[in-house]
Amino acid sequence: MPELDWPVVWAESGGGPDSRLVFLHGSGACATVWDGVLARLPATIGWTVLDLPGHGRSGRLPSYATGVVAAAVAARIGPGEPVVLVGHSLGGLVALTLANPIFGLDVRAVLGFSIKVDWTEEELARRSASASRPARTWADRDEALARFARVSGLAEAADPIPPDRLAPGIRRVPDGYALAHDRAAALVPPLARERIADQVAHAAAPVVLACGDQDRMSTPASMGYLGEVEELKGAGHNAHLTHPDLVAGLILGVLARHVPGAPGPDARARR
């Protein structure tokens, strides 16, 4: 991809020398949503979590078309080191896009789960109306943090989330606090399912798809348009938050199948 003046994309890396997982969160969230999954992976696995553009601590974009978001993320990740992409919902779409060789990344596998494929007219209308309304503000910081916890799914996390881990999801504004998520992102129409299927077809790496069998937003049946879908038993849309053990095991399975020498599903977690 050509070098452009991309906004800052916040990222943090850790773990050990084995592989390198790159985690991409869903719409309205931030990198904190991966805390529970990271705590259940072996300490030898390297990882990078980031806040997508227009979210958390990252800068904003003039356009949130999926390809533009992917290009900004690719510039932050950089070429060279092999990576396995793990994306939830919107992050799954970005991961599928990044698997196209045009972005210059050495992608060894993609795990995309809870990707919304089908949109009703009512859902599209609500999405557009929400993006057009002025951003809500709260005078009380704790109320803003609680709202972010609900929007991001962190309110239903299996592990307790300290307030400081919620803080990236809000920002200071003149009359109090607002969510950090740029509402303009919802002005971009979602990708049609044919376009998403095309991304899967043109991925230069194996693609693994998964969805909670209780997911009312994405549904395994709708994701089935893209290919074979592994159902996550008992999980809803935010499986990485409510069932982090299940998602960590899924990730280890992907590594075992597609990354030679990587730890398998029976590897010991770091806690």
C-alpha atoms as a PDB file:
ATOM      1  CA  MET A   1       0.000   0.000   0.000  1.00  0.00           C
ATOM      2  CA  PRO A   2       1.235   3.552  -0.636  1.00  0.00           C
ATOM      3  CA  GLU A   3       2.511   5.440   2.399  1.00  0.00           C
ATOM      4  CA  LEU A   4       0.019   8.073   3.499  1.00  0.00           C
ATOM      5  CA  ASP A   5      -0.291  10.322   6.508  1.00  0.00           C
ATOM      6  CA  TRP A   6      -2.500   7.981   8.537  1.00  0.00           C
ATOM      7  CA  PRO A   7      -3.849   9.015  11.943  1.00  0.00           C
ATOM      8  CA  VAL A   8      -2.339   7.457  15.032  1.00  0.00           C
ATOM      9  CA  VAL A   9      -3.547   3.897  15.547  1.00  0.00           C
ATOM     10  CA  TRP A  10      -2.959   2.957  19.173  1.00  0.00           C
ATOM     11  CA  ALA A  11      -1.490  -0.497  19.729  1.00  0.00           C
ATOM     12  CA  GLU A  12       0.106  -2.543  22.487  1.00  0.00           C
ATOM     13  CA  SER A  13       2.147  -5.732  22.140  1.00  0.00           C
ATOM     14  CA  GLY A  14       3.197  -8.404  24.595  1.00  0.00           C
ATOM     15  CA  GLY A  15       3.604 -12.109  25.144  1.00  0.00           C
ATOM     16  CA  GLY A  16       6.475 -14.261  23.961  1.00  0.00           C
ATOM     17  CA  PRO A  17       8.266 -15.282  20.771  1.00  0.00           C
ATOM     18  CA  ASP A  18       5.734 -17.828  19.441  1.00  0.00           C
ATOM     19  CA  SER A  19       3.641 -16.634  16.511  1.00  0.00           C
ATOM     20  CA  ARG A  20       2.050 -13.186  16.586  1.00  0.00           C
ATOM     21  CA  LEU A  21      -1.648 -12.690  17.012  1.00  0.00           C
ATOM     22  CA  VAL A  22      -3.215  -9.364  16.010  1.00  0.00           C
ATOM     23  CA  PHE A  23      -6.581  -8.708  17.666  1.00  0.00           C
ATOM     24  CA  LEU A  24      -9.199  -6.448  16.051  1.00  0.00           C
ATOM     25  CA  HIS A  25     -12.233  -5.487  18.140  1.00  0.00           C
ATOM     26  CA  GLY A  26     -15.802  -4.749  17.081  1.00  0.00           C
ATOM     27  CA  SER A  27     -17.654  -1.493  16.538  1.00  0.00           C
ATOM     28  CA  GLY A  28     -17.889   0.823  19.550  1.00  0.00           C
ATOM     29  CA  ALA A  29     -15.317  -1.120  21.582  1.00  0.00           C
ATOM     30  CA  CYS A  30     -11.583  -0.874  22.263  1.00  0.00           C
ATOM     31  CA  ALA A  31      -8.654  -3.222  22.852  1.00  0.00           C
ATOM     32  CA  THR A  32      -9.740  -3.896  26.449  1.00  0.00           C
ATOM     33  CA  VAL A  33     -12.286  -6.429  25.194  1.00  0.00           C
ATOM     34  CA  TRP A  34      -9.447  -8.904  24.607  1.00  0.00           C
ATOM     35  CA  ASP A  35      -8.146  -8.900  28.206  1.00  0.00           C
ATOM     36  CA  GLY A  36      -9.917 -12.118  29.184  1.00  0.00           C
ATOM     37  CA  VAL A  37      -8.786 -14.006  26.084  1.00  0.00           C
ATOM     38  CA  LEU A  38      -5.172 -12.853  26.457  1.00  0.00           C
ATOM     39  CA  ALA A  39      -5.147 -14.023  30.074  1.00  0.00           C
ATOM     40  CA  ARG A  40      -6.040 -17.516  28.877  1.00  0.00           C
ATOM     41  CA  LEU A  41      -3.375 -17.877  26.187  1.00  0.00           C
ATOM     42  CA  PRO A  42       0.076 -19.356  26.837  1.00  0.00           C
ATOM     43  CA  ALA A  43       2.660 -16.745  27.826  1.00  0.00           C
ATOM     44  CA  THR A  44       4.854 -17.809  24.902  1.00  0.00           C
ATOM     45  CA  ILE A  45       2.402 -16.498  22.300  1.00  0.00           C
ATOM     46  CA  GLY A  46       3.107 -13.012  20.991  1.00  0.00           C
ATOM     47  CA  TRP A  47       0.180 -10.651  20.554  1.00  0.00           C
ATOM     48  CA  THR A  48      -0.789  -7.155  19.499  1.00  0.00           C
ATOM     49  CA  VAL A  49      -4.057  -5.476  20.408  1.00  0.00           C
ATOM     50  CA  LEU A  50      -5.093  -2.160  18.921  1.00  0.00           C
ATOM     51  CA  ASP A  51      -7.882   0.372  18.941  1.00  0.00           C
ATOM     52  CA  LEU A  52      -9.394   0.596  15.476  1.00  0.00           C
ATOM     53  CA  PRO A  53      -9.396   4.071  13.881  1.00  0.00           C
ATOM     54  CA  GLY A  54     -12.213   6.166  15.320  1.00  0.00           C
ATOM     55  CA  HIS A  55     -12.194   4.139  18.548  1.00  0.00           C
ATOM     56  CA  GLY A  56     -10.517   4.409  21.931  1.00  0.00           C
ATOM     57  CA  ARG A  57      -7.077   6.021  21.826  1.00  0.00           C
ATOM     58  CA  SER A  58      -6.751   5.980  18.027  1.00  0.00           C
ATOM     59  CA  GLY A  59      -7.217   8.930  15.709  1.00  0.00           C
ATOM     60  CA  ARG A  60     -10.140   9.483  13.388  1.00  0.00           C
ATOM     61  CA  LEU A  61     -10.449   8.982   9.637  1.00  0.00           C
ATOM     62  CA  PRO A  62     -12.197  11.102   7.013  1.00  0.00           C
ATOM     63  CA  SER A  63     -13.816   7.883   5.764  1.00  0.00           C
ATOM     64  CA  TYR A  64     -14.559   4.599   7.515  1.00  0.00           C
ATOM     65  CA  ALA A  65     -14.923   2.465   4.417  1.00  0.00           C
ATOM     66  CA  THR A  66     -13.606  -0.978   5.315  1.00  0.00           C
ATOM     67  CA  GLY A  67     -10.659  -0.721   2.921  1.00  0.00           C
ATOM     68  CA  VAL A  68      -9.608   2.629   4.379  1.00  0.00           C
ATOM     69  CA  VAL A  69      -9.760   1.308   7.943  1.00  0.00           C
ATOM     70  CA  ALA A  70      -7.783  -1.774   6.871  1.00  0.00           C
ATOM     71  CA  ALA A  71      -5.111   0.361   5.205  1.00  0.00           C
ATOM     72  CA  ALA A  72      -4.654   2.431   8.376  1.00  0.00           C
ATOM     73  CA  VAL A  73      -4.340  -0.757  10.440  1.00  0.00           C
ATOM     74  CA  ALA A  74      -1.906  -2.305   7.932  1.00  0.00           C
ATOM     75  CA  ALA A  75       0.308   0.777   8.177  1.00  0.00           C
ATOM     76  CA  ARG A  76       0.373   0.349  11.966  1.00  0.00           C
ATOM     77  CA  ILE A  77       1.128  -3.383  11.878  1.00  0.00           C
ATOM     78  CA  GLY A  78       3.770  -3.070   9.175  1.00  0.00           C
ATOM     79  CA  PRO A  79       5.056  -5.690   6.733  1.00  0.00           C
ATOM     80  CA  GLY A  80       7.513  -8.480   7.413  1.00  0.00           C
ATOM     81  CA  GLU A  81       6.578 -10.455  10.505  1.00  0.00           C
ATOM     82  CA  PRO A  82       4.043 -13.268   9.975  1.00  0.00           C
ATOM     83  CA  VAL A  83       0.740 -12.596  11.732  1.00  0.00           C
ATOM     84  CA  VAL A  84      -2.496 -14.385  12.533  1.00  0.00           C
ATOM     85  CA  LEU A  85      -5.466 -12.024  12.529  1.00  0.00           C
ATOM     86  CA  VAL A  86      -8.282 -12.441  15.048  1.00  0.00           C
ATOM     87  CA  GLY A  87     -11.307 -10.206  14.485  1.00  0.00           C
ATOM     88  CA  HIS A  88     -14.687  -9.863  16.148  1.00  0.00           C
ATOM     89  CA  SER A  89     -17.669  -8.431  14.252  1.00  0.00           C
ATOM     90  CA  LEU A  90     -16.382  -5.253  12.525  1.00  0.00           C
ATOM     91  CA  GLY A  91     -12.862  -6.397  13.403  1.00  0.00           C
ATOM     92  CA  GLY A  92     -13.578  -9.637  11.570  1.00  0.00           C
ATOM     93  CA  LEU A  93     -14.446  -7.701   8.425  1.00  0.00           C
ATOM     94  CA  VAL A  94     -11.228  -5.709   8.736  1.00  0.00           C
ATOM     95  CA  ALA A  95      -9.259  -8.930   9.253  1.00  0.00           C
ATOM     96  CA  LEU A  96     -10.740 -10.497   6.110  1.00  0.00           C
ATOM     97  CA  THR A  97      -9.852  -7.358   4.170  1.00  0.00           C
ATOM     98  CA  LEU A  98      -6.278  -7.356   5.473  1.00  0.00           C
ATOM     99  CA  ALA A  99      -5.801 -10.921   4.222  1.00  0.00           C
ATOM    100  CA  ASN A 100      -5.787  -9.562   0.671  1.00  0.00           C
ATOM    101  CA  PRO A 101      -2.141  -9.380  -0.529  1.00  0.00           C
ATOM    102  CA  ILE A 102      -2.644  -5.768  -1.646  1.00  0.00           C
ATOM    103  CA  PHE A 103      -2.152  -4.654   1.963  1.00  0.00           C
ATOM    104  CA  GLY A 104       1.357  -6.097   2.110  1.00  0.00           C
ATOM    105  CA  LEU A 105       1.011  -8.130   5.301  1.00  0.00           C
ATOM    106  CA  ASP A 106       2.318 -11.665   5.801  1.00  0.00           C
ATOM    107  CA  VAL A 107      -0.972 -13.143   7.030  1.00  0.00           C
ATOM    108  CA  ARG A 108      -0.784 -16.826   7.929  1.00  0.00           C
ATOM    109  CA  ALA A 109      -4.416 -17.301   9.019  1.00  0.00           C
ATOM    110  CA  VAL A 110      -7.569 -15.344   9.804  1.00  0.00           C
ATOM    111  CA  LEU A 111     -10.117 -16.065  12.516  1.00  0.00           C
ATOM    112  CA  GLY A 112     -13.282 -14.012  12.074  1.00  0.00           C
ATOM    113  CA  PHE A 113     -16.183 -14.524  14.438  1.00  0.00           C
ATOM    114  CA  SER A 114     -19.611 -12.960  14.928  1.00  0.00           C
ATOM    115  CA  ILE A 115     -19.442 -11.086  11.604  1.00  0.00           C
ATOM    116  CA  LYS A 116     -22.754  -9.501  10.671  1.00  0.00           C
ATOM    117  CA  VAL A 117     -23.553 -10.493   7.106  1.00  0.00           C
ATOM    118  CA  ASP A 118     -27.234  -9.587   6.630  1.00  0.00           C
ATOM    119  CA  TRP A 119     -28.877  -6.249   7.448  1.00  0.00           C
ATOM    120  CA  THR A 120     -32.596  -5.474   7.430  1.00  0.00           C
ATOM    121  CA  GLU A 121     -33.913  -2.137   6.201  1.00  0.00           C
ATOM    122  CA  GLU A 122     -34.937  -1.327   9.762  1.00  0.00           C
ATOM    123  CA  GLU A 123     -31.424  -2.007  11.050  1.00  0.00           C
ATOM    124  CA  LEU A 124     -29.888   0.177   8.354  1.00  0.00           C
ATOM    125  CA  ALA A 125     -32.320   2.997   9.153  1.00  0.00           C
ATOM    126  CA  ARG A 126     -31.497   2.826  12.877  1.00  0.00           C
ATOM    127  CA  ARG A 127     -27.789   2.806  12.115  1.00  0.00           C
ATOM    128  CA  SER A 128     -28.057   5.895   9.896  1.00  0.00           C
ATOM    129  CA  ALA A 129     -30.264   7.766  12.385  1.00  0.00           C
ATOM    130  CA  SER A 130     -27.860   7.033  15.225  1.00  0.00           C
ATOM    131  CA  ALA A 131     -24.906   8.394  13.248  1.00  0.00           C
ATOM    132  CA  SER A 132     -26.801  11.593  12.458  1.00  0.00           C
ATOM    133  CA  ARG A 133     -27.735  12.445  16.040  1.00  0.00           C
ATOM    134  CA  PRO A 134     -25.454  14.656  18.168  1.00  0.00           C
ATOM    135  CA  ALA A 135     -23.170  12.668  20.441  1.00  0.00           C
ATOM    136  CA  ARG A 136     -24.595  12.181  23.922  1.00  0.00           C
ATOM    137  CA  THR A 137     -22.609  13.571  26.831  1.00  0.00           C
ATOM    138  CA  TRP A 138     -22.529  12.799  30.544  1.00  0.00           C
ATOM    139  CA  ALA A 139     -21.528  15.176  33.328  1.00  0.00           C
ATOM    140  CA  ASP A 140     -20.597  12.212  35.510  1.00  0.00           C
ATOM    141  CA  ARG A 141     -17.546  10.210  34.421  1.00  0.00           C
ATOM    142  CA  ASP A 142     -18.776   6.997  36.030  1.00  0.00           C
ATOM    143  CA  GLU A 143     -22.017   7.196  34.063  1.00  0.00           C
ATOM    144  CA  ALA A 144     -20.049   7.591  30.833  1.00  0.00           C
ATOM    145  CA  LEU A 145     -17.886   4.589  31.747  1.00  0.00           C
ATOM    146  CA  ALA A 146     -20.992   2.521  32.486  1.00  0.00           C
ATOM    147  CA  ARG A 147     -22.473   3.447  29.127  1.00  0.00           C
ATOM    148  CA  PHE A 148     -19.278   2.427  27.339  1.00  0.00           C
ATOM    149  CA  ALA A 149     -19.287  -0.877  29.223  1.00  0.00           C
ATOM    150  CA  ARG A 150     -22.789  -1.595  27.893  1.00  0.00           C
ATOM    151  CA  VAL A 151     -22.073  -0.469  24.321  1.00  0.00           C
ATOM    152  CA  SER A 152     -18.829  -2.428  24.049  1.00  0.00           C
ATOM    153  CA  GLY A 153     -20.134  -5.566  25.733  1.00  0.00           C
ATOM    154  CA  LEU A 154     -17.658  -5.227  28.601  1.00  0.00           C
ATOM    155  CA  ALA A 155     -20.573  -5.066  31.050  1.00  0.00           C
ATOM    156  CA  GLU A 156     -21.149  -8.776  30.408  1.00  0.00           C
ATOM    157  CA  ALA A 157     -17.490  -9.827  30.648  1.00  0.00           C
ATOM    158  CA  ALA A 158     -16.756 -13.019  32.574  1.00  0.00           C
ATOM    159  CA  ASP A 159     -13.877 -11.291  34.373  1.00  0.00           C
ATOM    160  CA  PRO A 160     -14.228  -8.060  36.395  1.00  0.00           C
ATOM    161  CA  ILE A 161     -13.143  -4.999  34.398  1.00  0.00           C
ATOM    162  CA  PRO A 162     -11.405  -2.262  36.457  1.00  0.00           C
ATOM    163  CA  PRO A 163     -12.521   1.313  35.679  1.00  0.00           C
ATOM    164  CA  ASP A 164      -9.082   2.211  34.307  1.00  0.00           C
ATOM    165  CA  ARG A 165      -9.526  -0.464  31.629  1.00  0.00           C
ATOM    166  CA  LEU A 166     -12.813   1.156  30.573  1.00  0.00           C
ATOM    167  CA  ALA A 167     -11.288   4.642  30.377  1.00  0.00           C
ATOM    168  CA  PRO A 168     -10.098   4.378  26.720  1.00  0.00           C
ATOM    169  CA  GLY A 169     -13.746   4.141  25.667  1.00  0.00           C
ATOM    170  CA  ILE A 170     -14.620   7.690  26.718  1.00  0.00           C
ATOM    171  CA  ARG A 171     -13.196  11.151  26.054  1.00  0.00           C
ATOM    172  CA  ARG A 172     -13.342  14.530  27.763  1.00  0.00           C
ATOM    173  CA  VAL A 173     -15.548  17.123  26.089  1.00  0.00           C
ATOM    174  CA  PRO A 174     -16.394  20.707  27.184  1.00  0.00           C
ATOM    175  CA  ASP A 175     -19.604  19.709  28.986  1.00  0.00           C
ATOM    176  CA  GLY A 176     -18.419  16.430  30.470  1.00  0.00           C
ATOM    177  CA  TYR A 177     -17.690  13.087  28.840  1.00  0.00           C
ATOM    178  CA  ALA A 178     -18.646  11.369  25.603  1.00  0.00           C
ATOM    179  CA  LEU A 179     -17.947   7.977  24.067  1.00  0.00           C
ATOM    180  CA  ALA A 180     -14.643   7.894  22.175  1.00  0.00           C
ATOM    181  CA  HIS A 181     -16.182   6.060  19.213  1.00  0.00           C
ATOM    182  CA  ASP A 182     -16.578   8.313  16.163  1.00  0.00           C
ATOM    183  CA  ARG A 183     -20.275   8.116  15.269  1.00  0.00           C
ATOM    184  CA  ALA A 184     -19.431   9.047  11.666  1.00  0.00           C
ATOM    185  CA  ALA A 185     -18.288   5.447  11.161  1.00  0.00           C
ATOM    186  CA  ALA A 186     -21.939   4.411  10.936  1.00  0.00           C
ATOM    187  CA  LEU A 187     -22.496   6.730   7.970  1.00  0.00           C
ATOM    188  CA  VAL A 188     -20.681   4.193   5.772  1.00  0.00           C
ATOM    189  CA  PRO A 189     -23.122   1.524   4.526  1.00  0.00           C
ATOM    190  CA  PRO A 190     -22.210  -2.002   5.680  1.00  0.00           C
ATOM    191  CA  LEU A 191     -20.617  -4.283   3.115  1.00  0.00           C
ATOM    192  CA  ALA A 192     -23.080  -6.446   1.198  1.00  0.00           C
ATOM    193  CA  ARG A 193     -22.701 -10.123   1.924  1.00  0.00           C
ATOM    194  CA  GLU A 194     -21.519 -10.740  -1.650  1.00  0.00           C
ATOM    195  CA  ARG A 195     -18.634  -8.345  -1.017  1.00  0.00           C
ATOM    196  CA  ILE A 196     -17.741 -10.089   2.219  1.00  0.00           C
ATOM    197  CA  ALA A 197     -17.802 -13.470   0.494  1.00  0.00           C
ATOM    198  CA  ASP A 198     -15.499 -12.011  -2.152  1.00  0.00           C
ATOM    199  CA  GLN A 199     -13.047 -11.021   0.586  1.00  0.00           C
ATOM    200  CA  VAL A 200     -13.048 -14.579   1.890  1.00  0.00           C
ATOM    201  CA  ALA A 201     -12.460 -15.906  -1.628  1.00  0.00           C
ATOM    202  CA  HIS A 202      -9.510 -13.575  -2.224  1.00  0.00           C
ATOM    203  CA  ALA A 203      -7.822 -14.055   1.146  1.00  0.00           C
ATOM    204  CA  ALA A 204      -4.209 -15.159   0.756  1.00  0.00           C
ATOM    205  CA  ALA A 205      -4.428 -17.241   3.940  1.00  0.00           C
ATOM    206  CA  PRO A 206      -6.765 -19.830   5.472  1.00  0.00           C
ATOM    207  CA  VAL A 207      -9.954 -18.283   6.873  1.00  0.00           C
ATOM    208  CA  VAL A 208     -11.701 -19.767   9.910  1.00  0.00           C
ATOM    209  CA  LEU A 209     -15.225 -18.536  10.666  1.00  0.00           C
ATOM    210  CA  ALA A 210     -17.071 -18.918  13.959  1.00  0.00           C
ATOM    211  CA  CYS A 211     -20.227 -17.661  15.613  1.00  0.00           C
ATOM    212  CA  GLY A 212     -22.004 -18.198  18.916  1.00  0.00           C
ATOM    213  CA  ASP A 213     -25.035 -20.434  18.593  1.00  0.00           C
ATOM    214  CA  GLN A 214     -26.942 -17.860  20.690  1.00  0.00           C
ATOM    215  CA  ASP A 215     -25.805 -14.884  18.593  1.00  0.00           C
ATOM    216  CA  ARG A 216     -28.904 -12.917  17.588  1.00  0.00           C
ATOM    217  CA  MET A 217     -26.983 -10.253  15.694  1.00  0.00           C
ATOM    218  CA  SER A 218     -24.829 -12.303  13.335  1.00  0.00           C
ATOM    219  CA  THR A 219     -26.221 -15.882  13.551  1.00  0.00           C
ATOM    220  CA  PRO A 220     -24.366 -18.968  12.354  1.00  0.00           C
ATOM    221  CA  ALA A 221     -26.898 -19.383   9.545  1.00  0.00           C
ATOM    222  CA  SER A 222     -26.243 -15.962   8.031  1.00  0.00           C
ATOM    223  CA  MET A 223     -22.471 -16.353   8.370  1.00  0.00           C
ATOM    224  CA  GLY A 224     -22.831 -19.670   6.578  1.00  0.00           C
ATOM    225  CA  TYR A 225     -23.128 -17.693   3.346  1.00  0.00           C
ATOM    226  CA  LEU A 226     -19.387 -17.061   3.662  1.00  0.00           C
ATOM    227  CA  GLY A 227     -18.368 -20.669   4.240  1.00  0.00           C
ATOM    228  CA  GLU A 228     -18.235 -23.301   6.967  1.00  0.00           C
ATOM    229  CA  VAL A 229     -18.924 -21.819  10.395  1.00  0.00           C
ATOM    230  CA  GLU A 230     -17.815 -23.289  13.720  1.00  0.00           C
ATOM    231  CA  GLU A 231     -20.560 -22.797  16.298  1.00  0.00           C
ATOM    232  CA  LEU A 232     -19.542 -21.653  19.774  1.00  0.00           C
ATOM    233  CA  LYS A 233     -21.907 -23.458  22.120  1.00  0.00           C
ATOM    234  CA  GLY A 234     -23.767 -21.273  24.570  1.00  0.00           C
ATOM    235  CA  ALA A 235     -22.201 -18.034  23.340  1.00  0.00           C
ATOM    236  CA  GLY A 236     -23.873 -14.915  21.993  1.00  0.00           C
ATOM    237  CA  HIS A 237     -22.431 -12.060  19.982  1.00  0.00           C
ATOM    238  CA  ASN A 238     -19.664 -11.193  22.460  1.00  0.00           C
ATOM    239  CA  ALA A 239     -18.210 -14.659  22.922  1.00  0.00           C
ATOM    240  CA  HIS A 240     -14.730 -13.274  23.633  1.00  0.00           C
ATOM    241  CA  LEU A 241     -16.154 -11.504  26.695  1.00  0.00           C
ATOM    242  CA  THR A 242     -18.674 -14.014  28.013  1.00  0.00           C
ATOM    243  CA  HIS A 243     -16.782 -17.176  27.022  1.00  0.00           C
ATOM    244  CA  PRO A 244     -13.073 -16.225  26.875  1.00  0.00           C
ATOM    245  CA  ASP A 245     -11.973 -19.828  27.502  1.00  0.00           C
ATOM    246  CA  LEU A 246     -13.933 -20.955  24.464  1.00  0.00           C
ATOM    247  CA  VAL A 247     -12.435 -18.258  22.226  1.00  0.00           C
ATOM    248  CA  ALA A 248      -8.897 -18.851  23.540  1.00  0.00           C
ATOM    249  CA  GLY A 249      -9.281 -22.543  22.710  1.00  0.00           C
ATOM    250  CA  LEU A 250     -10.563 -21.660  19.249  1.00  0.00           C
ATOM    251  CA  ILE A 251      -7.507 -19.447  18.649  1.00  0.00           C
ATOM    252  CA  LEU A 252      -5.133 -22.192  19.784  1.00  0.00           C
ATOM    253  CA  GLY A 253      -6.874 -24.584  17.419  1.00  0.00           C
ATOM    254  CA  VAL A 254      -6.345 -22.181  14.514  1.00  0.00           C
ATOM    255  CA  LEU A 255      -2.664 -21.836  15.412  1.00  0.00           C
ATOM    256  CA  ALA A 256      -2.225 -25.608  15.662  1.00  0.00           C
ATOM    257  CA  ARG A 257      -3.786 -26.154  12.228  1.00  0.00           C
ATOM    258  CA  HIS A 258      -2.188 -23.322  10.316  1.00  0.00           C
ATOM    259  CA  VAL A 259       1.043 -22.232  12.044  1.00  0.00           C
ATOM    260  CA  PRO A 260       3.753 -24.915  12.243  1.00  0.00           C
ATOM    261  CA  GLY A 261       5.237 -25.253  15.733  1.00  0.00           C
ATOM    262  CA  ALA A 262       2.579 -23.106  17.431  1.00  0.00           C
ATOM    263  CA  PRO A 263       1.056 -24.212  20.765  1.00  0.00           C
ATOM    264  CA  GLY A 264      -2.024 -26.394  20.424  1.00  0.00           C
ATOM    265  CA  PRO A 265      -5.412 -26.333  22.172  1.00  0.00           C
ATOM    266  CA  ASP A 266      -4.019 -28.187  25.190  1.00  0.00           C
ATOM    267  CA  ALA A 267      -1.287 -25.612  25.865  1.00  0.00           C
ATOM    268  CA  ARG A 268      -1.277 -24.167  29.363  1.00  0.00           C
ATOM    269  CA  ALA A 269      -2.691 -20.684  29.758  1.00  0.00           C
ATOM    270  CA  ARG A 270      -0.638 -17.952  31.395  1.00  0.00           C
ATOM    271  CA  ARG A 271      -2.859 -17.835  34.447  1.00  0.00           C
END
